[in-house]
N, C-alpha and C. Protein backbone atom coordinates (compact mmCIF):
# COMPACT_ATOMS: atom_id res chain seq x y z
N MET A 1 0.50 -1.47 0.05
CA MET A 1 0.12 -0.15 0.26
C MET A 1 0.70 1.07 0.13
N LYS A 2 0.84 2.20 -0.72
CA LYS A 2 1.24 3.63 -1.07
C LYS A 2 0.46 4.65 -0.48
N ARG A 3 1.21 5.24 0.52
CA ARG A 3 0.76 6.69 0.80
C ARG A 3 1.87 8.01 0.90
N TYR A 4 1.12 8.81 0.25
CA TYR A 4 1.85 10.11 0.41
C TYR A 4 1.48 11.07 1.00
N PHE A 5 2.33 12.46 1.32
CA PHE A 5 1.82 13.48 1.72
C PHE A 5 2.04 14.61 0.64
N VAL A 6 1.81 15.12 -0.32
CA VAL A 6 1.78 15.88 -1.27
C VAL A 6 1.62 17.70 -0.50
N THR A 7 2.92 18.49 -0.68
CA THR A 7 3.40 19.31 0.12
C THR A 7 4.16 20.40 -0.99
N GLY A 8 3.88 21.66 -0.86
CA GLY A 8 4.95 22.55 -1.95
C GLY A 8 5.60 23.35 -1.45
N ILE A 9 6.46 24.25 -1.91
CA ILE A 9 7.27 25.01 -0.95
C ILE A 9 6.61 26.42 -1.25
N GLY A 10 5.50 26.19 -0.90
CA GLY A 10 4.39 27.49 -1.04
C GLY A 10 3.21 27.38 -1.43
N THR A 11 2.50 28.63 -1.26
CA THR A 11 1.02 28.48 -2.24
C THR A 11 0.97 28.54 -3.25
N ASP A 12 -0.08 28.02 -3.86
CA ASP A 12 -0.40 28.26 -5.53
C ASP A 12 0.84 27.45 -5.87
N VAL A 13 1.57 26.87 -5.85
CA VAL A 13 2.51 25.86 -6.64
C VAL A 13 1.77 24.79 -7.39
N GLY A 14 0.92 24.30 -7.32
CA GLY A 14 0.47 23.39 -7.86
C GLY A 14 0.30 21.94 -7.13
N LYS A 15 -0.26 21.95 -5.99
CA LYS A 15 -0.01 21.09 -4.88
C LYS A 15 -1.44 19.95 -5.60
N THR A 16 -2.45 20.42 -5.80
CA THR A 16 -3.82 20.14 -5.94
C THR A 16 -3.63 19.50 -7.31
N VAL A 17 -3.17 20.17 -8.54
CA VAL A 17 -3.10 19.22 -9.51
C VAL A 17 -2.09 18.02 -9.94
N ALA A 18 -1.21 17.99 -8.65
CA ALA A 18 -0.28 17.20 -8.51
C ALA A 18 -0.92 16.14 -7.87
N ALA A 19 -1.74 16.41 -7.23
CA ALA A 19 -2.43 15.28 -6.15
C ALA A 19 -2.99 14.66 -6.86
N ALA A 20 -3.95 15.33 -7.64
CA ALA A 20 -5.21 14.33 -8.30
C ALA A 20 -4.18 13.58 -9.44
N ILE A 21 -3.30 14.30 -9.90
CA ILE A 21 -2.03 13.29 -11.09
C ILE A 21 -1.98 11.85 -10.09
N LEU A 22 -1.12 12.11 -8.86
CA LEU A 22 -1.02 11.04 -8.04
C LEU A 22 -2.06 10.06 -7.83
N THR A 23 -3.37 10.56 -7.50
CA THR A 23 -4.32 9.93 -7.01
C THR A 23 -4.98 9.28 -7.98
N GLU A 24 -4.85 9.76 -9.45
CA GLU A 24 -5.27 8.70 -10.60
C GLU A 24 -4.30 7.93 -10.62
N ALA A 25 -3.24 8.25 -10.94
CA ALA A 25 -1.85 7.48 -11.06
C ALA A 25 -2.30 5.80 -10.61
N LEU A 26 -2.38 6.02 -8.98
CA LEU A 26 -2.22 5.10 -7.94
C LEU A 26 -3.86 4.22 -7.74
N GLN A 27 -4.51 4.90 -8.33
CA GLN A 27 -6.28 4.80 -8.20
C GLN A 27 -6.41 4.63 -7.05
N ALA A 28 -5.90 6.04 -6.03
CA ALA A 28 -5.85 6.29 -4.49
C ALA A 28 -6.99 7.25 -4.17
N ASP A 29 -7.17 6.83 -2.60
CA ASP A 29 -7.91 7.54 -2.21
C ASP A 29 -7.62 9.20 -1.95
N TYR A 30 -7.73 9.89 -1.60
CA TYR A 30 -7.35 11.23 -1.47
C TYR A 30 -8.10 11.73 -0.11
N TRP A 31 -7.22 12.45 0.17
CA TRP A 31 -7.94 13.43 1.98
C TRP A 31 -6.73 14.64 2.17
N LYS A 32 -7.95 15.86 2.19
CA LYS A 32 -6.94 17.08 2.46
C LYS A 32 -7.64 17.74 3.77
N PRO A 33 -6.99 17.01 4.84
CA PRO A 33 -6.91 17.35 6.18
C PRO A 33 -8.00 18.40 6.54
N VAL A 34 -7.46 19.61 6.12
CA VAL A 34 -7.70 21.45 6.57
C VAL A 34 -7.86 22.04 4.90
N GLN A 35 -9.23 22.50 5.04
CA GLN A 35 -9.24 22.96 3.80
C GLN A 35 -9.83 24.73 4.72
N ALA A 36 -9.07 25.86 3.79
CA ALA A 36 -9.09 27.09 4.87
C ALA A 36 -9.41 27.88 3.33
N GLY A 37 -11.02 28.19 3.01
CA GLY A 37 -11.32 29.44 2.25
C GLY A 37 -11.79 27.95 1.20
N GLY A 38 -12.61 28.53 -0.17
CA GLY A 38 -12.93 28.13 -1.43
C GLY A 38 -13.75 26.95 -0.82
N LEU A 39 -14.87 27.07 -0.10
CA LEU A 39 -15.58 26.35 0.25
C LEU A 39 -16.67 26.05 -0.71
N ASP A 40 -17.14 27.34 -1.61
CA ASP A 40 -17.37 26.70 -2.77
C ASP A 40 -17.17 25.27 -3.47
N PHE A 41 -15.99 25.23 -3.68
CA PHE A 41 -15.26 24.45 -4.46
C PHE A 41 -13.87 23.96 -4.17
N THR A 42 -13.96 23.18 -3.52
CA THR A 42 -12.90 22.84 -2.66
C THR A 42 -11.63 22.08 -3.39
N ASP A 43 -10.42 21.93 -2.69
CA ASP A 43 -9.31 21.32 -3.39
C ASP A 43 -10.23 19.82 -3.72
N THR A 44 -10.70 19.55 -2.55
CA THR A 44 -11.40 17.85 -2.77
C THR A 44 -12.03 17.80 -3.79
N ASP A 45 -12.89 18.94 -4.29
CA ASP A 45 -14.08 19.06 -5.37
C ASP A 45 -13.08 19.12 -6.64
N MET A 46 -11.73 19.83 -6.47
CA MET A 46 -11.02 19.98 -7.84
C MET A 46 -10.86 18.33 -8.06
N VAL A 47 -10.05 17.99 -7.32
CA VAL A 47 -9.14 16.61 -7.41
C VAL A 47 -10.37 15.67 -8.16
N LYS A 48 -11.33 15.35 -7.20
CA LYS A 48 -13.01 14.39 -7.48
C LYS A 48 -12.57 15.20 -9.39
N SER A 49 -13.04 16.41 -9.54
CA SER A 49 -13.29 16.56 -10.97
C SER A 49 -12.34 16.21 -11.86
N LEU A 50 -11.11 16.31 -11.53
CA LEU A 50 -9.99 15.87 -12.45
C LEU A 50 -9.76 14.27 -12.57
N VAL A 51 -10.14 13.42 -11.79
CA VAL A 51 -9.66 12.18 -11.67
C VAL A 51 -11.15 11.24 -12.20
N SER A 52 -10.25 9.96 -13.06
CA SER A 52 -11.68 9.61 -13.77
C SER A 52 -11.67 8.12 -13.50
N ASN A 53 -10.86 7.49 -12.36
CA ASN A 53 -10.85 6.17 -11.93
C ASN A 53 -12.34 5.90 -11.46
N GLU A 54 -12.71 4.58 -10.67
CA GLU A 54 -13.69 4.43 -10.09
C GLU A 54 -13.30 4.02 -9.10
N GLN A 55 -11.67 3.98 -8.66
CA GLN A 55 -11.37 3.13 -7.57
C GLN A 55 -11.86 4.30 -6.46
N SER A 56 -11.06 5.42 -6.77
CA SER A 56 -10.76 6.56 -5.83
C SER A 56 -12.07 6.77 -4.73
N VAL A 57 -11.58 6.78 -3.54
CA VAL A 57 -12.69 7.70 -2.69
C VAL A 57 -12.48 8.84 -2.16
N PHE A 58 -12.80 9.86 -2.06
CA PHE A 58 -12.63 11.10 -1.56
C PHE A 58 -13.18 11.42 -0.06
N HIS A 59 -12.56 11.09 1.24
CA HIS A 59 -12.70 11.56 2.19
C HIS A 59 -12.96 12.99 2.78
N PRO A 60 -14.01 13.23 3.54
CA PRO A 60 -14.43 14.44 4.03
C PRO A 60 -13.22 15.07 4.60
N GLU A 61 -12.93 16.72 4.23
CA GLU A 61 -11.85 17.05 5.37
C GLU A 61 -12.22 17.07 6.61
N ALA A 62 -11.33 17.13 7.41
CA ALA A 62 -11.38 17.23 9.03
C ALA A 62 -12.05 18.60 9.30
N TYR A 63 -11.47 19.53 8.96
CA TYR A 63 -11.95 20.72 9.14
C TYR A 63 -12.16 21.65 8.03
N ARG A 64 -13.24 22.13 7.41
CA ARG A 64 -13.83 23.06 6.54
C ARG A 64 -13.81 24.79 7.10
N LEU A 65 -12.52 25.51 6.94
CA LEU A 65 -12.87 26.79 7.27
C LEU A 65 -13.37 27.75 6.20
N LYS A 66 -13.90 28.99 6.50
CA LYS A 66 -14.54 29.87 5.48
C LYS A 66 -13.48 30.80 5.04
N MET A 67 -12.80 31.19 6.15
CA MET A 67 -11.28 32.01 6.16
C MET A 67 -10.32 31.49 4.99
N ALA A 68 -10.09 32.05 3.65
CA ALA A 68 -8.81 31.94 2.77
C ALA A 68 -7.42 32.39 3.56
N SER A 69 -7.34 31.82 4.45
CA SER A 69 -6.23 32.39 5.05
C SER A 69 -5.31 30.96 5.84
N SER A 70 -4.12 31.44 6.08
CA SER A 70 -3.42 30.37 7.23
C SER A 70 -4.72 29.71 7.80
N PRO A 71 -4.17 28.10 8.50
CA PRO A 71 -5.20 27.53 8.81
C PRO A 71 -5.42 28.00 10.19
N HIS A 72 -4.66 28.38 10.85
CA HIS A 72 -4.80 29.01 12.41
C HIS A 72 -5.16 29.88 12.52
N LYS A 73 -5.02 30.82 11.64
CA LYS A 73 -6.32 32.29 11.76
C LYS A 73 -7.73 32.01 11.03
N ALA A 74 -7.79 31.07 10.12
CA ALA A 74 -9.09 30.88 10.24
C ALA A 74 -9.90 29.95 10.74
N ALA A 75 -9.26 29.09 11.71
CA ALA A 75 -9.90 28.61 12.55
C ALA A 75 -10.13 29.62 13.88
N ALA A 76 -9.26 30.56 14.30
CA ALA A 76 -9.26 31.66 15.17
C ALA A 76 -10.85 32.34 15.04
N ALA A 77 -11.00 32.52 13.14
CA ALA A 77 -11.72 33.65 13.15
C ALA A 77 -13.05 32.81 13.35
N GLU A 78 -13.29 31.65 13.67
CA GLU A 78 -14.94 30.30 13.68
C GLU A 78 -14.73 30.48 15.33
N GLY A 79 -13.66 30.82 16.12
CA GLY A 79 -14.13 30.26 17.39
C GLY A 79 -13.46 29.09 17.90
N ILE A 80 -12.43 28.61 17.02
CA ILE A 80 -12.28 26.69 17.10
C ILE A 80 -10.42 27.06 17.29
N GLU A 81 -9.70 25.86 17.60
CA GLU A 81 -8.65 25.66 17.09
C GLU A 81 -8.44 24.11 16.71
N ILE A 82 -7.92 24.12 15.64
CA ILE A 82 -7.48 22.63 15.16
C ILE A 82 -6.76 21.71 15.91
N ASP A 83 -7.67 20.75 16.17
CA ASP A 83 -6.57 19.31 17.11
C ASP A 83 -6.07 18.73 16.36
N VAL A 84 -4.78 19.07 16.04
CA VAL A 84 -3.73 18.30 15.37
C VAL A 84 -3.62 17.38 15.53
N HIS A 85 -3.68 16.53 16.84
CA HIS A 85 -3.63 15.08 17.49
C HIS A 85 -4.71 14.08 16.69
N GLY A 86 -6.03 14.94 16.92
CA GLY A 86 -7.19 14.62 16.22
C GLY A 86 -7.14 14.04 14.87
N LEU A 87 -6.43 14.50 14.00
CA LEU A 87 -6.28 14.14 12.62
C LEU A 87 -5.65 12.73 12.55
N THR A 88 -6.26 12.06 12.53
CA THR A 88 -5.91 10.91 11.84
C THR A 88 -6.17 10.27 10.42
N LEU A 89 -5.38 9.38 9.82
CA LEU A 89 -5.88 9.23 8.32
C LEU A 89 -7.25 8.27 8.55
N PRO A 90 -8.02 8.20 7.18
CA PRO A 90 -8.98 8.17 6.78
C PRO A 90 -8.69 6.32 7.06
N ASP A 91 -9.51 5.57 7.18
CA ASP A 91 -9.76 4.23 7.76
C ASP A 91 -10.06 3.30 6.14
N THR A 92 -8.89 3.34 5.71
CA THR A 92 -8.94 2.75 4.15
C THR A 92 -8.30 1.56 4.12
N GLN A 93 -8.26 0.64 3.08
CA GLN A 93 -7.17 -0.24 2.60
C GLN A 93 -6.95 0.00 1.37
N ASN A 94 -6.72 1.12 1.06
CA ASN A 94 -6.58 1.60 -0.16
C ASN A 94 -5.10 2.37 -0.46
N ASN A 95 -4.12 2.48 -1.59
CA ASN A 95 -3.38 4.15 -1.24
C ASN A 95 -4.16 4.98 -1.25
N LEU A 96 -3.02 6.22 -0.83
CA LEU A 96 -3.52 7.21 -0.27
C LEU A 96 -2.63 8.39 -0.37
N ILE A 97 -3.72 9.71 -1.23
CA ILE A 97 -2.78 10.73 -1.19
C ILE A 97 -3.41 11.88 -0.23
N VAL A 98 -2.23 12.82 0.76
CA VAL A 98 -3.20 13.35 1.70
C VAL A 98 -2.40 14.74 1.16
N GLU A 99 -3.48 15.86 0.98
CA GLU A 99 -2.56 17.06 0.67
C GLU A 99 -2.94 18.29 1.73
N GLY A 100 -1.45 18.91 1.91
CA GLY A 100 -1.38 19.64 3.08
C GLY A 100 -1.92 20.89 2.51
N ALA A 101 -2.11 21.93 3.38
CA ALA A 101 -2.27 23.23 3.28
C ALA A 101 -0.69 24.25 3.12
N GLY A 102 -0.74 25.02 2.12
CA GLY A 102 0.03 25.80 1.54
C GLY A 102 1.79 25.00 1.59
N GLY A 103 2.56 25.61 2.55
CA GLY A 103 3.82 24.74 2.99
C GLY A 103 4.22 24.09 4.09
N LEU A 104 4.86 23.49 4.50
CA LEU A 104 5.47 22.53 5.68
C LEU A 104 5.35 23.80 6.84
N MET A 105 5.66 24.74 6.98
CA MET A 105 5.67 25.53 8.17
C MET A 105 4.57 26.58 7.98
N VAL A 106 3.11 26.16 7.60
CA VAL A 106 2.44 26.73 7.57
C VAL A 106 1.73 26.30 9.03
N PRO A 107 1.20 27.14 10.14
CA PRO A 107 0.96 27.08 11.33
C PRO A 107 -0.79 26.33 10.84
N LEU A 108 -1.01 25.04 11.96
CA LEU A 108 -1.89 25.07 12.09
C LEU A 108 -3.02 25.21 12.84
N ASN A 109 -2.58 25.15 14.49
CA ASN A 109 -2.49 25.86 15.13
C ASN A 109 -1.60 26.96 16.31
N LYS A 110 -1.60 27.20 17.30
CA LYS A 110 -0.49 27.99 17.88
C LYS A 110 0.69 27.39 18.06
N ARG A 111 0.82 25.97 18.31
CA ARG A 111 1.51 25.24 18.30
C ARG A 111 1.94 24.34 17.30
N TYR A 112 1.44 24.08 16.62
CA TYR A 112 1.88 22.99 15.65
C TYR A 112 1.66 23.23 13.97
N LEU A 113 2.58 22.95 13.48
CA LEU A 113 2.95 23.47 12.00
C LEU A 113 2.20 21.76 10.82
N VAL A 114 2.22 22.22 9.54
CA VAL A 114 1.47 21.13 8.75
C VAL A 114 2.85 20.42 8.98
N LEU A 115 3.81 20.52 8.87
CA LEU A 115 5.51 19.28 9.07
C LEU A 115 5.49 18.79 10.30
N ASP A 116 4.50 19.46 11.26
CA ASP A 116 4.46 18.47 12.59
C ASP A 116 3.34 17.30 12.22
N LEU A 117 2.65 17.96 11.63
CA LEU A 117 0.99 16.74 10.95
C LEU A 117 1.88 15.94 10.33
N VAL A 118 2.85 16.10 9.48
CA VAL A 118 3.67 14.66 8.39
C VAL A 118 4.42 14.07 9.21
N GLN A 119 4.88 14.38 10.08
CA GLN A 119 5.95 13.57 11.01
C GLN A 119 4.22 12.67 11.97
N GLN A 120 3.46 13.05 12.24
CA GLN A 120 2.51 12.76 12.97
C GLN A 120 2.06 11.31 12.43
N LEU A 121 1.34 11.93 11.06
CA LEU A 121 0.94 10.79 10.47
C LEU A 121 2.02 9.55 9.49
N GLY A 122 3.39 10.12 9.78
CA GLY A 122 4.10 9.17 9.38
C GLY A 122 4.39 8.69 8.05
N LEU A 123 3.88 9.92 7.06
CA LEU A 123 3.51 9.51 5.30
C LEU A 123 4.86 9.75 4.44
N GLU A 124 5.39 9.49 3.54
CA GLU A 124 6.40 10.13 2.72
C GLU A 124 6.06 11.03 2.32
N VAL A 125 7.11 12.26 1.94
CA VAL A 125 6.33 13.36 1.11
C VAL A 125 6.85 13.39 -0.26
N ILE A 126 5.99 13.80 -0.81
CA ILE A 126 6.23 14.48 -2.72
C ILE A 126 6.10 15.66 -2.21
N LEU A 127 7.07 16.17 -2.99
CA LEU A 127 7.19 18.10 -2.87
C LEU A 127 7.27 18.11 -4.10
N VAL A 128 6.11 19.40 -4.30
CA VAL A 128 5.79 20.14 -5.60
C VAL A 128 6.76 21.62 -5.47
N SER A 129 7.31 21.88 -6.18
CA SER A 129 7.94 23.08 -6.65
C SER A 129 7.57 23.72 -8.31
N ARG A 130 7.54 24.89 -8.05
CA ARG A 130 7.33 25.86 -9.51
C ARG A 130 8.41 27.01 -9.85
N ASN A 131 8.70 27.00 -10.92
CA ASN A 131 10.21 27.81 -11.09
C ASN A 131 9.32 29.21 -11.07
N TYR A 132 10.16 30.32 -10.07
CA TYR A 132 9.98 31.58 -10.24
C TYR A 132 10.88 32.30 -9.22
N LEU A 133 10.71 33.54 -9.43
CA LEU A 133 12.45 34.28 -8.92
C LEU A 133 12.40 33.81 -7.55
N GLY A 134 13.19 33.29 -6.88
CA GLY A 134 13.25 33.10 -5.76
C GLY A 134 12.93 31.22 -5.24
N SER A 135 12.34 30.77 -6.15
CA SER A 135 12.32 29.04 -5.77
C SER A 135 13.57 28.56 -5.45
N ILE A 136 14.02 28.92 -6.09
CA ILE A 136 15.61 27.89 -5.51
C ILE A 136 15.47 28.06 -4.08
N ASN A 137 15.33 29.30 -3.65
CA ASN A 137 15.72 29.21 -1.96
C ASN A 137 14.47 28.45 -1.43
N HIS A 138 13.23 28.60 -2.07
CA HIS A 138 12.49 28.20 -1.12
C HIS A 138 12.43 26.58 -1.35
N THR A 139 12.86 26.04 -2.07
CA THR A 139 12.36 24.70 -2.66
C THR A 139 13.70 24.05 -1.79
N LEU A 140 15.40 24.73 -1.78
CA LEU A 140 16.23 24.36 -0.93
C LEU A 140 15.55 24.51 0.56
N LEU A 141 15.12 25.36 1.00
CA LEU A 141 14.86 25.74 2.72
C LEU A 141 13.76 24.53 2.96
N THR A 142 12.64 24.22 2.22
CA THR A 142 11.81 23.23 2.44
C THR A 142 12.54 21.74 2.30
N ALA A 143 13.72 21.44 1.55
CA ALA A 143 14.35 20.43 1.26
C ALA A 143 15.04 19.93 2.37
N GLU A 144 15.80 21.25 3.21
CA GLU A 144 16.31 21.26 4.44
C GLU A 144 15.78 21.14 5.64
N VAL A 145 14.53 21.18 5.71
CA VAL A 145 14.02 21.01 6.91
C VAL A 145 13.19 19.77 6.59
N LEU A 146 13.07 19.24 6.07
CA LEU A 146 12.64 17.88 5.89
C LEU A 146 13.57 17.15 6.00
N ARG A 147 14.84 17.03 5.79
CA ARG A 147 16.53 16.39 6.12
C ARG A 147 16.42 16.30 7.39
N TYR A 148 16.18 17.91 7.72
CA TYR A 148 16.97 18.15 9.54
C TYR A 148 15.68 17.34 10.80
N ARG A 149 14.37 17.15 9.96
CA ARG A 149 13.62 16.74 10.74
C ARG A 149 13.42 15.25 10.11
N LYS A 150 14.05 14.75 9.47
CA LYS A 150 14.23 13.16 9.37
C LYS A 150 12.96 12.85 8.26
N VAL A 151 12.31 13.34 7.47
CA VAL A 151 10.96 13.25 6.84
C VAL A 151 11.24 12.26 5.79
N PRO A 152 11.13 11.20 5.31
CA PRO A 152 11.67 10.74 4.18
C PRO A 152 10.55 11.52 2.79
N VAL A 153 11.37 11.65 1.79
CA VAL A 153 10.82 12.32 0.55
C VAL A 153 10.91 11.41 -0.87
N ALA A 154 10.01 11.20 -1.34
CA ALA A 154 9.93 10.12 -2.47
C ALA A 154 10.12 10.61 -3.91
N GLY A 155 10.47 12.16 -3.95
CA GLY A 155 10.82 12.61 -4.62
C GLY A 155 10.03 14.27 -4.82
N ILE A 156 10.71 14.95 -5.94
CA ILE A 156 9.98 16.19 -6.15
C ILE A 156 9.57 16.54 -7.60
N ILE A 157 8.59 17.08 -7.49
CA ILE A 157 7.59 17.24 -8.96
C ILE A 157 7.41 18.91 -9.34
N PHE A 158 8.33 19.26 -10.53
CA PHE A 158 8.70 20.57 -10.69
C PHE A 158 7.24 20.58 -11.96
N ASN A 159 6.47 21.94 -11.38
CA ASN A 159 5.05 22.11 -12.10
C ASN A 159 5.36 23.44 -13.01
N GLY A 160 4.71 23.20 -14.22
CA GLY A 160 4.69 24.85 -14.86
C GLY A 160 5.65 24.84 -15.97
N GLU A 161 6.27 26.46 -15.76
CA GLU A 161 7.15 26.67 -17.00
C GLU A 161 8.33 26.20 -16.53
N GLU A 162 9.18 25.47 -17.48
CA GLU A 162 10.09 24.66 -17.51
C GLU A 162 11.57 25.37 -17.02
N ASN A 163 12.34 25.28 -15.84
CA ASN A 163 13.67 26.35 -15.66
C ASN A 163 14.94 25.20 -15.70
N GLN A 164 15.33 24.88 -16.99
CA GLN A 164 16.60 23.42 -16.75
C GLN A 164 17.54 23.70 -15.68
N THR A 165 18.20 25.09 -15.47
CA THR A 165 19.08 25.16 -14.94
C THR A 165 18.83 25.36 -13.27
N SER A 166 17.66 25.93 -12.96
CA SER A 166 17.36 26.22 -11.71
C SER A 166 16.78 24.46 -11.36
N GLU A 167 16.00 23.70 -12.61
CA GLU A 167 15.72 22.78 -11.90
C GLU A 167 17.13 21.74 -11.32
N ASP A 168 17.62 21.57 -12.20
CA ASP A 168 19.22 20.95 -12.39
C ASP A 168 20.04 21.32 -11.01
N PHE A 169 19.87 22.49 -10.32
CA PHE A 169 20.93 22.76 -9.44
C PHE A 169 20.11 22.49 -8.24
N ILE A 170 18.38 22.46 -8.21
CA ILE A 170 17.95 21.95 -7.26
C ILE A 170 18.12 20.37 -6.97
N ILE A 171 18.13 19.46 -7.78
CA ILE A 171 18.50 17.59 -7.92
C ILE A 171 19.71 17.71 -7.49
N LYS A 172 20.88 18.43 -7.88
CA LYS A 172 21.94 18.16 -7.13
C LYS A 172 22.47 18.49 -6.33
N TYR A 173 22.11 19.85 -5.64
CA TYR A 173 22.43 19.86 -4.20
C TYR A 173 21.55 19.26 -3.59
N THR A 174 20.18 18.94 -3.32
CA THR A 174 19.32 18.12 -2.29
C THR A 174 19.37 16.81 -2.63
N GLY A 175 20.00 16.38 -3.74
CA GLY A 175 19.84 14.82 -3.64
C GLY A 175 18.29 14.23 -3.86
N LEU A 176 17.31 14.84 -4.31
CA LEU A 176 16.33 14.09 -4.27
C LEU A 176 15.96 13.62 -5.58
N ARG A 177 14.89 12.67 -5.19
CA ARG A 177 14.63 12.03 -6.74
C ARG A 177 13.82 12.81 -7.41
N ARG A 178 14.09 12.93 -8.85
CA ARG A 178 13.38 13.85 -9.45
C ARG A 178 12.15 12.85 -10.23
N LEU A 179 10.77 13.17 -10.03
CA LEU A 179 9.77 12.81 -10.56
C LEU A 179 9.47 13.38 -12.00
N PRO A 180 8.44 13.21 -12.50
CA PRO A 180 8.07 13.58 -13.92
C PRO A 180 7.80 14.63 -13.95
N SER A 181 7.95 15.93 -14.48
CA SER A 181 7.30 17.18 -14.25
C SER A 181 5.68 17.61 -15.19
N ILE A 182 5.31 18.74 -14.31
CA ILE A 182 3.96 18.92 -14.46
C ILE A 182 4.19 20.23 -15.85
N ARG A 183 4.01 19.84 -17.08
CA ARG A 183 4.00 21.03 -17.66
C ARG A 183 3.23 22.16 -17.74
N GLN A 184 3.18 23.32 -18.31
CA GLN A 184 2.22 24.63 -18.74
C GLN A 184 1.35 24.07 -19.28
N GLU A 185 0.22 23.87 -18.82
CA GLU A 185 -1.00 23.71 -20.14
C GLU A 185 -2.33 24.82 -19.78
N ALA A 186 -2.82 24.92 -21.08
CA ALA A 186 -3.74 25.75 -20.99
C ALA A 186 -4.69 25.58 -20.12
N ASP A 187 -5.08 24.67 -20.07
CA ASP A 187 -6.16 23.72 -19.02
C ASP A 187 -5.55 22.20 -18.60
N PHE A 188 -6.51 22.07 -17.42
CA PHE A 188 -6.54 20.76 -16.78
C PHE A 188 -7.58 19.94 -16.76
N CYS A 189 -8.22 18.75 -17.33
CA CYS A 189 -8.88 18.18 -17.32
C CYS A 189 -8.86 16.25 -16.85
N GLN A 190 -9.64 15.94 -16.98
CA GLN A 190 -9.56 14.35 -16.28
C GLN A 190 -8.86 13.62 -17.85
N GLU A 191 -8.80 14.35 -19.15
CA GLU A 191 -7.61 13.12 -20.33
C GLU A 191 -6.62 13.71 -19.70
N THR A 192 -6.27 15.34 -19.76
CA THR A 192 -5.02 15.33 -19.47
C THR A 192 -4.23 14.68 -17.94
N VAL A 193 -5.14 14.83 -16.98
CA VAL A 193 -4.36 14.29 -15.77
C VAL A 193 -4.49 12.66 -15.88
N ALA A 194 -4.93 12.12 -16.50
CA ALA A 194 -5.04 11.18 -17.03
C ALA A 194 -3.44 10.70 -17.73
N GLU A 195 -3.65 11.17 -18.79
CA GLU A 195 -2.29 11.15 -19.83
C GLU A 195 -1.10 11.21 -18.45
N TYR A 196 -1.24 12.34 -17.62
CA TYR A 196 0.09 12.57 -16.75
C TYR A 196 0.28 11.15 -16.05
N ALA A 197 -0.99 10.58 -15.52
CA ALA A 197 -0.85 9.50 -14.61
C ALA A 197 -0.05 8.50 -14.75
N ARG A 198 -0.24 8.26 -16.35
CA ARG A 198 0.46 7.17 -16.96
C ARG A 198 2.21 7.20 -16.62
N GLU A 199 2.46 8.66 -17.00
CA GLU A 199 3.96 8.75 -16.88
C GLU A 199 4.40 8.46 -15.36
N PHE A 200 3.49 8.85 -14.65
CA PHE A 200 4.04 8.85 -13.19
C PHE A 200 4.04 7.37 -12.64
N VAL A 201 2.90 6.45 -13.35
CA VAL A 201 3.06 5.08 -12.74
C VAL A 201 4.26 4.43 -12.24
N PRO A 202 5.28 4.37 -13.31
CA PRO A 202 6.26 3.72 -13.15
C PRO A 202 7.22 4.37 -11.92
N TYR A 203 6.86 5.38 -11.32
CA TYR A 203 7.98 5.99 -10.37
C TYR A 203 7.46 5.89 -8.97
N LEU A 204 6.35 5.70 -8.95
CA LEU A 204 5.55 5.55 -7.74
C LEU A 204 5.62 3.97 -6.83
């Protein structure tokens, strides 16, 4: 059974599309523990709309917060605190993709970060990076904290416009396993995701 935690080097780097591709590739279940904002069309809704296999089950979020903000702030706005220790993996015998909120150092409450949740769940990480000015720094910092916390990393996905120089440096410096890239696409649909999924299967 394969279970991965999908995290990114920051917000809006393509975690959800990557999670959809991985879910399709493994015909896995999908779970987003905390959704902050976008309740009209959540990340779970997006992944569900992009996945075409009939095996995947989409487990409900543990927290659905109204404010599009850091989870700890969004929860506080509703007078609640996220109970990190109460976040346990869905009961499934299937492969599982878990998607985090933002990057690793995003606070879930006053004490715990997304990184702490990753360690608590005991999952191998798949890291999503996107090329932009500053992304080398953000990617290396993320890889360094994963190494420091001794979190296993299955590999890194580069998403969006290609930058071979940056990508080669990141791979050489971090020693992370390179997974297939997700290229800049005009639109993502079930057919596109299925095509990428076939490319990912041998690596998972």
